[in-house]
C-alpha atoms as a PDB file:
ATOM      1  CA  MET A   1     -29.991 -90.156-277.466  1.00  0.00           C
ATOM      2  CA  LEU A   2     -31.733 -91.508-274.414  1.00  0.00           C
ATOM      3  CA  GLY A   3     -29.755 -94.074-271.718  1.00  0.00           C
ATOM      4  CA  PHE A   4     -31.432 -97.482-271.184  1.00  0.00           C
ATOM      5  CA  ASP A   5     -30.592 -99.489-268.290  1.00  0.00           C
ATOM      6  CA  PRO A   6     -32.051-103.086-269.056  1.00  0.00           C
ATOM      7  CA  ALA A   7     -32.198-104.658-266.125  1.00  0.00           C
ATOM      8  CA  GLY A   8     -34.515-101.869-264.452  1.00  0.00           C
ATOM      9  CA  GLY A   9     -36.422-100.974-267.869  1.00  0.00           C
ATOM     10  CA  THR A  10     -36.113 -97.168-267.390  1.00  0.00           C
ATOM     11  CA  ALA A  11     -34.214 -94.795-269.689  1.00  0.00           C
ATOM     12  CA  SER A  12     -32.671 -91.609-268.600  1.00  0.00           C
ATOM     13  CA  LEU A  13     -31.252 -87.992-271.295  1.00  0.00           C
ATOM     14  CA  PRO A  14     -27.578 -88.352-270.610  1.00  0.00           C
ATOM     15  CA  VAL A  15     -26.027 -84.875-269.046  1.00  0.00           C
ATOM     16  CA  TRP A  16     -24.465 -83.985-272.865  1.00  0.00           C
ATOM     17  CA  ALA A  17     -27.797 -84.436-274.219  1.00  0.00           C
ATOM     18  CA  ALA A  18     -29.524 -82.255-271.188  1.00  0.00           C
ATOM     19  CA  GLY A  19     -26.845 -79.137-271.756  1.00  0.00           C
ATOM     20  CA  ALA A  20     -27.269 -79.666-275.663  1.00  0.00           C
ATOM     21  CA  VAL A  21     -30.798 -79.277-275.080  1.00  0.00           C
ATOM     22  CA  ALA A  22     -30.405 -75.832-273.688  1.00  0.00           C
ATOM     23  CA  ALA A  23     -27.669 -74.675-275.508  1.00  0.00           C
ATOM     24  CA  VAL A  24     -29.784 -74.949-278.816  1.00  0.00           C
ATOM     25  CA  ALA A  25     -32.159 -72.626-276.758  1.00  0.00           C
ATOM     26  CA  VAL A  26     -30.429 -69.958-275.673  1.00  0.00           C
ATOM     27  CA  VAL A  27     -28.972 -69.456-279.466  1.00  0.00           C
ATOM     28  CA  ALA A  28     -33.009 -69.909-280.630  1.00  0.00           C
ATOM     29  CA  ALA A  29     -33.704 -66.800-278.054  1.00  0.00           C
ATOM     30  CA  VAL A  30     -30.613 -64.733-279.397  1.00  0.00           C
ATOM     31  CA  ALA A  31     -31.277 -65.108-283.010  1.00  0.00           C
ATOM     32  CA  ALA A  32     -34.738 -64.845-282.300  1.00  0.00           C
ATOM     33  CA  TRP A  33     -34.516 -61.114-280.751  1.00  0.00           C
ATOM     34  CA  ARG A  34     -32.294 -59.748-283.358  1.00  0.00           C
ATOM     35  CA  ARG A  35     -34.757 -60.776-285.630  1.00  0.00           C
ATOM     36  CA  SER A  36     -37.679 -59.497-284.022  1.00  0.00           C
ATOM     37  CA  GLY A  37     -37.072 -57.350-280.803  1.00  0.00           C
ATOM     38  CA  ALA A  38     -38.250 -57.275-277.246  1.00  0.00           C
ATOM     39  CA  GLY A  39     -41.313 -59.378-277.872  1.00  0.00           C
ATOM     40  CA  ALA A  40     -39.496 -62.119-279.570  1.00  0.00           C
ATOM     41  CA  LEU A  41     -36.726 -62.110-277.202  1.00  0.00           C
ATOM     42  CA  VAL A  42     -39.291 -62.872-274.102  1.00  0.00           C
ATOM     43  CA  ALA A  43     -40.937 -65.725-276.358  1.00  0.00           C
ATOM     44  CA  GLY A  44     -37.457 -66.908-276.431  1.00  0.00           C
ATOM     45  CA  ILE A  45     -36.422 -66.573-272.813  1.00  0.00           C
ATOM     46  CA  ALA A  46     -39.665 -68.189-271.979  1.00  0.00           C
ATOM     47  CA  ALA A  47     -38.567 -71.290-274.170  1.00  0.00           C
ATOM     48  CA  LEU A  48     -35.274 -71.311-272.470  1.00  0.00           C
ATOM     49  CA  THR A  49     -36.748 -71.409-269.054  1.00  0.00           C
ATOM     50  CA  VAL A  50     -38.702 -74.373-270.382  1.00  0.00           C
ATOM     51  CA  ALA A  51     -35.576 -75.988-271.932  1.00  0.00           C
ATOM     52  CA  ALA A  52     -33.515 -75.886-268.719  1.00  0.00           C
ATOM     53  CA  LEU A  53     -36.507 -76.956-266.688  1.00  0.00           C
ATOM     54  CA  ALA A  54     -36.412 -79.770-268.778  1.00  0.00           C
ATOM     55  CA  ALA A  55     -32.872 -80.621-268.494  1.00  0.00           C
ATOM     56  CA  MET A  56     -32.356 -80.521-264.596  1.00  0.00           C
ATOM     57  CA  ALA A  57     -35.388 -82.663-264.981  1.00  0.00           C
ATOM     58  CA  ALA A  58     -33.598 -84.945-267.203  1.00  0.00           C
ATOM     59  CA  VAL A  59     -30.381 -84.430-265.252  1.00  0.00           C
ATOM     60  CA  THR A  60     -31.668 -85.547-262.088  1.00  0.00           C
ATOM     61  CA  ALA A  61     -33.696 -88.092-263.775  1.00  0.00           C
ATOM     62  CA  GLY A  62     -30.769 -89.364-264.873  1.00  0.00           C
ATOM     63  CA  SER A  63     -28.929 -89.396-261.469  1.00  0.00           C
ATOM     64  CA  ILE A  64     -31.558 -91.106-259.662  1.00  0.00           C
ATOM     65  CA  VAL A  65     -31.192 -94.322-262.125  1.00  0.00           C
ATOM     66  CA  HIS A  66     -26.895 -94.288-261.642  1.00  0.00           C
ATOM     67  CA  GLU A  67     -27.992 -94.962-258.120  1.00  0.00           C
ATOM     68  CA  ARG A  68     -29.985 -97.560-258.201  1.00  0.00           C
ATOM     69  CA  VAL A  69     -27.692 -99.471-260.815  1.00  0.00           C
ATOM     70  CA  LEU A  70     -25.011 -98.588-258.204  1.00  0.00           C
ATOM     71  CA  GLU A  71     -27.148 -99.548-255.023  1.00  0.00           C
ATOM     72  CA  ARG A  72     -28.001-103.165-257.559  1.00  0.00           C
ATOM     73  CA  ARG A  73     -24.747-103.963-258.203  1.00  0.00           C
ATOM     74  CA  ALA A  74     -23.730-103.595-254.180  1.00  0.00           C
ATOM     75  CA  LEU A  75     -26.443-105.780-253.138  1.00  0.00           C
ATOM     76  CA  GLU A  76     -25.698-108.492-255.984  1.00  0.00           C
ATOM     77  CA  SER A  77     -21.836-108.172-254.703  1.00  0.00           C
ATOM     78  CA  ARG A  78     -23.162-108.743-250.810  1.00  0.00           C
ATOM     79  CA  VAL A  79     -25.191-112.019-252.104  1.00  0.00           C
ATOM     80  CA  ALA A  80     -22.837-113.210-254.566  1.00  0.00           C
ATOM     81  CA  ASP A  81     -20.081-112.702-251.189  1.00  0.00           C
ATOM     82  CA  LEU A  82     -22.726-114.489-248.586  1.00  0.00           C
ATOM     83  CA  ALA A  83     -23.509-117.265-250.873  1.00  0.00           C
ATOM     84  CA  ALA A  84     -19.594-117.903-251.387  1.00  0.00           C
ATOM     85  CA  ARG A  85     -19.628-118.435-247.534  1.00  0.00           C
ATOM     86  CA  ALA A  86     -21.384-121.549-247.877  1.00  0.00           C
ATOM     87  CA  PHE A  87     -19.740-122.937-250.668  1.00  0.00           C
ATOM     88  CA  VAL A  88     -16.241-123.169-249.251  1.00  0.00           C
ATOM     89  CA  PRO A  89     -15.112-126.163-249.626  1.00  0.00           C
ATOM     90  CA  GLY A  90     -15.923-128.824-246.376  1.00  0.00           C
ATOM     91  CA  SER A  91     -18.434-125.809-245.553  1.00  0.00           C
ATOM     92  CA  PRO A  92     -21.596-127.870-244.621  1.00  0.00           C
ATOM     93  CA  LEU A  93     -23.793-124.465-244.415  1.00  0.00           C
ATOM     94  CA  ALA A  94     -24.863-125.178-247.913  1.00  0.00           C
ATOM     95  CA  CYS A  95     -27.797-127.653-246.308  1.00  0.00           C
ATOM     96  CA  LEU A  96     -28.909-124.585-245.134  1.00  0.00           C
ATOM     97  CA  ASP A  97     -30.151-123.761-248.506  1.00  0.00           C
ATOM     98  CA  GLY A  98     -31.822-126.595-249.251  1.00  0.00           C
ATOM     99  CA  LEU A  99     -35.615-128.124-248.653  1.00  0.00           C
ATOM    100  CA  ALA A 100     -36.659-129.372-245.504  1.00  0.00           C
ATOM    101  CA  GLY A 101     -37.431-133.114-245.502  1.00  0.00           C
ATOM    102  CA  THR A 102     -34.950-133.801-248.166  1.00  0.00           C
ATOM    103  CA  PRO A 103     -33.228-137.101-248.254  1.00  0.00           C
ATOM    104  CA  GLY A 104     -29.951-136.363-246.419  1.00  0.00           C
ATOM    105  CA  GLU A 105     -31.575-134.066-244.238  1.00  0.00           C
ATOM    106  CA  ALA A 106     -30.017-136.181-241.559  1.00  0.00           C
ATOM    107  CA  ALA A 107     -26.596-136.020-242.568  1.00  0.00           C
ATOM    108  CA  CYS A 108     -27.074-132.105-243.411  1.00  0.00           C
ATOM    109  CA  GLU A 109     -28.494-131.867-239.216  1.00  0.00           C
ATOM    110  CA  ALA A 110     -25.444-133.798-238.252  1.00  0.00           C
ATOM    111  CA  ALA A 111     -22.819-131.862-240.051  1.00  0.00           C
ATOM    112  CA  LEU A 112     -24.492-128.230-238.851  1.00  0.00           C
ATOM    113  CA  PHE A 113     -24.561-129.280-235.489  1.00  0.00           C
ATOM    114  CA  GLY A 114     -22.008-132.069-234.774  1.00  0.00           C
ATOM    115  CA  ARG A 115     -19.405-129.235-233.196  1.00  0.00           C
ATOM    116  CA  PRO A 116     -20.303-126.260-230.965  1.00  0.00           C
ATOM    117  CA  GLU A 117     -18.025-124.518-233.549  1.00  0.00           C
ATOM    118  CA  GLN A 118     -20.548-125.308-236.527  1.00  0.00           C
ATOM    119  CA  ALA A 119     -23.578-124.507-234.628  1.00  0.00           C
ATOM    120  CA  ALA A 120     -22.095-121.203-233.846  1.00  0.00           C
ATOM    121  CA  ALA A 121     -21.554-120.876-237.765  1.00  0.00           C
ATOM    122  CA  ALA A 122     -24.849-121.343-238.789  1.00  0.00           C
ATOM    123  CA  VAL A 123     -26.006-118.971-236.538  1.00  0.00           C
ATOM    124  CA  ALA A 124     -23.910-116.331-237.456  1.00  0.00           C
ATOM    125  CA  TYR A 125     -24.864-117.356-241.487  1.00  0.00           C
ATOM    126  CA  VAL A 126     -28.716-117.050-240.578  1.00  0.00           C
ATOM    127  CA  ALA A 127     -27.618-113.838-238.913  1.00  0.00           C
ATOM    128  CA  ALA A 128     -26.154-112.380-241.786  1.00  0.00           C
ATOM    129  CA  GLN A 129     -28.571-113.356-244.684  1.00  0.00           C
ATOM    130  CA  LEU A 130     -31.297-111.392-242.248  1.00  0.00           C
ATOM    131  CA  ASP A 131     -28.993-108.459-241.972  1.00  0.00           C
ATOM    132  CA  LEU A 132     -28.606-108.376-245.798  1.00  0.00           C
ATOM    133  CA  VAL A 133     -32.744-109.049-246.205  1.00  0.00           C
ATOM    134  CA  MET A 134     -33.312-106.088-244.088  1.00  0.00           C
ATOM    135  CA  ALA A 135     -30.588-103.846-244.832  1.00  0.00           C
ATOM    136  CA  ALA A 136     -31.772-104.003-248.795  1.00  0.00           C
ATOM    137  CA  ALA A 137     -35.089-104.384-248.331  1.00  0.00           C
ATOM    138  CA  PRO A 138     -35.633-100.334-249.247  1.00  0.00           C
ATOM    139  CA  VAL A 139     -33.474-101.458-252.195  1.00  0.00           C
ATOM    140  CA  ALA A 140     -35.284-103.984-253.397  1.00  0.00           C
ATOM    141  CA  ALA A 141     -39.011-102.138-252.960  1.00  0.00           C
ATOM    142  CA  GLY A 142     -38.266 -99.552-255.799  1.00  0.00           C
ATOM    143  CA  ASP A 143     -36.025-101.722-258.090  1.00  0.00           C
ATOM    144  CA  ARG A 144     -37.470-105.047-259.472  1.00  0.00           C
ATOM    145  CA  ALA A 145     -34.053-106.268-260.449  1.00  0.00           C
ATOM    146  CA  ALA A 146     -33.081-106.179-257.173  1.00  0.00           C
ATOM    147  CA  ALA A 147     -35.920-107.633-255.867  1.00  0.00           C
ATOM    148  CA  ARG A 148     -35.332-110.530-258.095  1.00  0.00           C
ATOM    149  CA  THR A 149     -31.883-110.833-256.821  1.00  0.00           C
ATOM    150  CA  LEU A 150     -33.158-110.774-253.390  1.00  0.00           C
ATOM    151  CA  ALA A 151     -35.674-113.620-254.054  1.00  0.00           C
ATOM    152  CA  PRO A 152     -34.036-116.890-253.883  1.00  0.00           C
ATOM    153  CA  LEU A 153     -32.179-115.716-250.142  1.00  0.00           C
ATOM    154  CA  LYS A 154     -35.639-114.693-249.093  1.00  0.00           C
ATOM    155  CA  ARG A 155     -36.363-118.161-250.499  1.00  0.00           C
ATOM    156  CA  SER A 156     -34.461-119.593-248.255  1.00  0.00           C
ATOM    157  CA  LEU A 157     -35.080-117.833-245.221  1.00  0.00           C
ATOM    158  CA  ALA A 158     -39.014-118.637-245.284  1.00  0.00           C
ATOM    159  CA  ALA A 159     -38.191-122.830-245.234  1.00  0.00           C
ATOM    160  CA  ASP A 160     -36.086-122.433-242.099  1.00  0.00           C
ATOM    161  CA  ARG A 161     -34.349-124.932-241.786  1.00  0.00           C
ATOM    162  CA  PHE A 162     -33.866-126.461-238.294  1.00  0.00           C
ATOM    163  CA  GLY A 163     -35.649-123.546-236.467  1.00  0.00           C
ATOM    164  CA  LEU A 164     -32.610-121.754-237.196  1.00  0.00           C
ATOM    165  CA  VAL A 165     -34.175-118.105-238.840  1.00  0.00           C
ATOM    166  CA  ALA A 166     -36.445-118.371-236.078  1.00  0.00           C
ATOM    167  CA  HIS A 167     -34.241-118.549-233.142  1.00  0.00           C
ATOM    168  CA  VAL A 168     -32.112-115.634-234.517  1.00  0.00           C
ATOM    169  CA  LEU A 169     -35.246-113.747-234.605  1.00  0.00           C
ATOM    170  CA  ALA A 170     -36.602-114.414-231.423  1.00  0.00           C
ATOM    171  CA  VAL A 171     -33.032-113.968-229.303  1.00  0.00           C
ATOM    172  CA  ARG A 172     -32.194-110.557-231.961  1.00  0.00           C
ATOM    173  CA  ALA A 173     -34.847-108.812-232.954  1.00  0.00           C
ATOM    174  CA  GLY A 174     -37.158-110.204-230.176  1.00  0.00           C
ATOM    175  CA  CYS A 175     -39.187-111.902-232.153  1.00  0.00           C
ATOM    176  CA  SER A 176     -42.491-113.743-230.758  1.00  0.00           C
ATOM    177  CA  PRO A 177     -45.102-115.668-232.709  1.00  0.00           C
ATOM    178  CA  GLU A 178     -47.347-112.971-232.549  1.00  0.00           C
ATOM    179  CA  VAL A 179     -45.428-110.160-233.191  1.00  0.00           C
ATOM    180  CA  CYS A 180     -42.084-110.382-235.038  1.00  0.00           C
ATOM    181  CA  ALA A 181     -41.844-107.287-237.790  1.00  0.00           C
ATOM    182  CA  PRO A 182     -39.157-108.908-239.880  1.00  0.00           C
ATOM    183  CA  LEU A 183     -41.825-110.919-240.690  1.00  0.00           C
ATOM    184  CA  ALA A 184     -43.023-108.841-243.296  1.00  0.00           C
ATOM    185  CA  LEU A 185     -40.162-109.109-245.090  1.00  0.00           C
ATOM    186  CA  LEU A 186     -40.667-112.590-246.364  1.00  0.00           C
ATOM    187  CA  ASP A 187     -43.279-113.327-249.095  1.00  0.00           C
ATOM    188  CA  ASP A 188     -44.286-116.791-246.885  1.00  0.00           C
ATOM    189  CA  PRO A 189     -43.691-116.281-243.250  1.00  0.00           C
ATOM    190  CA  ASP A 190     -45.810-119.027-242.165  1.00  0.00           C
ATOM    191  CA  ARG A 191     -43.358-121.297-241.631  1.00  0.00           C
ATOM    192  CA  VAL A 192     -40.958-119.289-239.601  1.00  0.00           C
ATOM    193  CA  ARG A 193     -43.642-118.386-237.506  1.00  0.00           C
ATOM    194  CA  ALA A 194     -44.737-121.729-236.666  1.00  0.00           C
ATOM    195  CA  HIS A 195     -40.681-121.889-235.498  1.00  0.00           C
ATOM    196  CA  LEU A 196     -41.057-119.344-233.258  1.00  0.00           C
ATOM    197  CA  ARG A 197     -44.069-121.519-231.382  1.00  0.00           C
ATOM    198  CA  GLU A 198     -42.101-124.723-231.068  1.00  0.00           C
ATOM    199  CA  ARG A 199     -38.646-123.489-231.132  1.00  0.00           C
ATOM    200  CA  PRO A 200     -37.728-126.505-232.747  1.00  0.00           C
ATOM    201  CA  PHE A 201     -33.656-124.963-233.101  1.00  0.00           C
ATOM    202  CA  ASP A 202     -33.813-125.640-229.388  1.00  0.00           C
ATOM    203  CA  LEU A 203     -34.941-129.557-230.207  1.00  0.00           C
ATOM    204  CA  VAL A 204     -31.690-129.620-232.569  1.00  0.00           C
ATOM    205  CA  LEU A 205     -29.481-128.392-230.301  1.00  0.00           C
ATOM    206  CA  ALA A 206     -29.699-130.164-227.494  1.00  0.00           C
ATOM    207  CA  ARG A 207     -30.181-133.506-229.014  1.00  0.00           C
ATOM    208  CA  HIS A 208     -26.419-132.684-230.410  1.00  0.00           C
ATOM    209  CA  ALA A 209     -25.130-130.703-227.580  1.00  0.00           C
ATOM    210  CA  ALA A 210     -25.306-133.917-225.614  1.00  0.00           C
ATOM    211  CA  GLY A 211     -22.544-135.326-227.825  1.00  0.00           C
ATOM    212  CA  TRP A 212     -20.035-132.059-228.320  1.00  0.00           C
ATOM    213  CA  PRO A 213     -16.537-133.268-226.764  1.00  0.00           C
ATOM    214  CA  ALA A 214     -16.154-131.522-223.190  1.00  0.00           C
ATOM    215  CA  GLY A 215     -14.004-128.297-222.814  1.00  0.00           C
END
């Protein structure tokens, strides 16, 4: 019976089935030798070799499928853990997953930048999002289900509310509007590239930092 991975759309032969194929080939080769002698034995050995190679290929394919499933589950877990940080009661980080220009934009900005520790938390959260997307890129490239898991996070980063993504890329990756390799990971990097040029984060931060408590 083939093992089927519905998320990835792949099938593989279980190890026990591959072993059974090889065992049947061995029995057939021995039986042929007893019935017909050396000529049949040669043919049986050839059949055994083919069966063994097929079994090895099936086991390898099954191992690859299993590895992809584990990688996908690890990715889903990391995405869920990161999202949970944004939905802690009282956390303003959920604002970062909204659309720029929506009602409540000013309130969201005030919540994110009203105090220095809140601004630092927003920067750290976006940095963690970028780290996850970059780390998961090889997995998503070869697994459509993993790519779907990552898609909402990539859309959120591409929206780049308040220029946080551009700020993190400029500081941590040395990005400029002209040269920024991580932008290739986003489906639509134009907004982030524009923010690398305009630096809206610096303006927002300066506007709120003036009202931060002294000390």
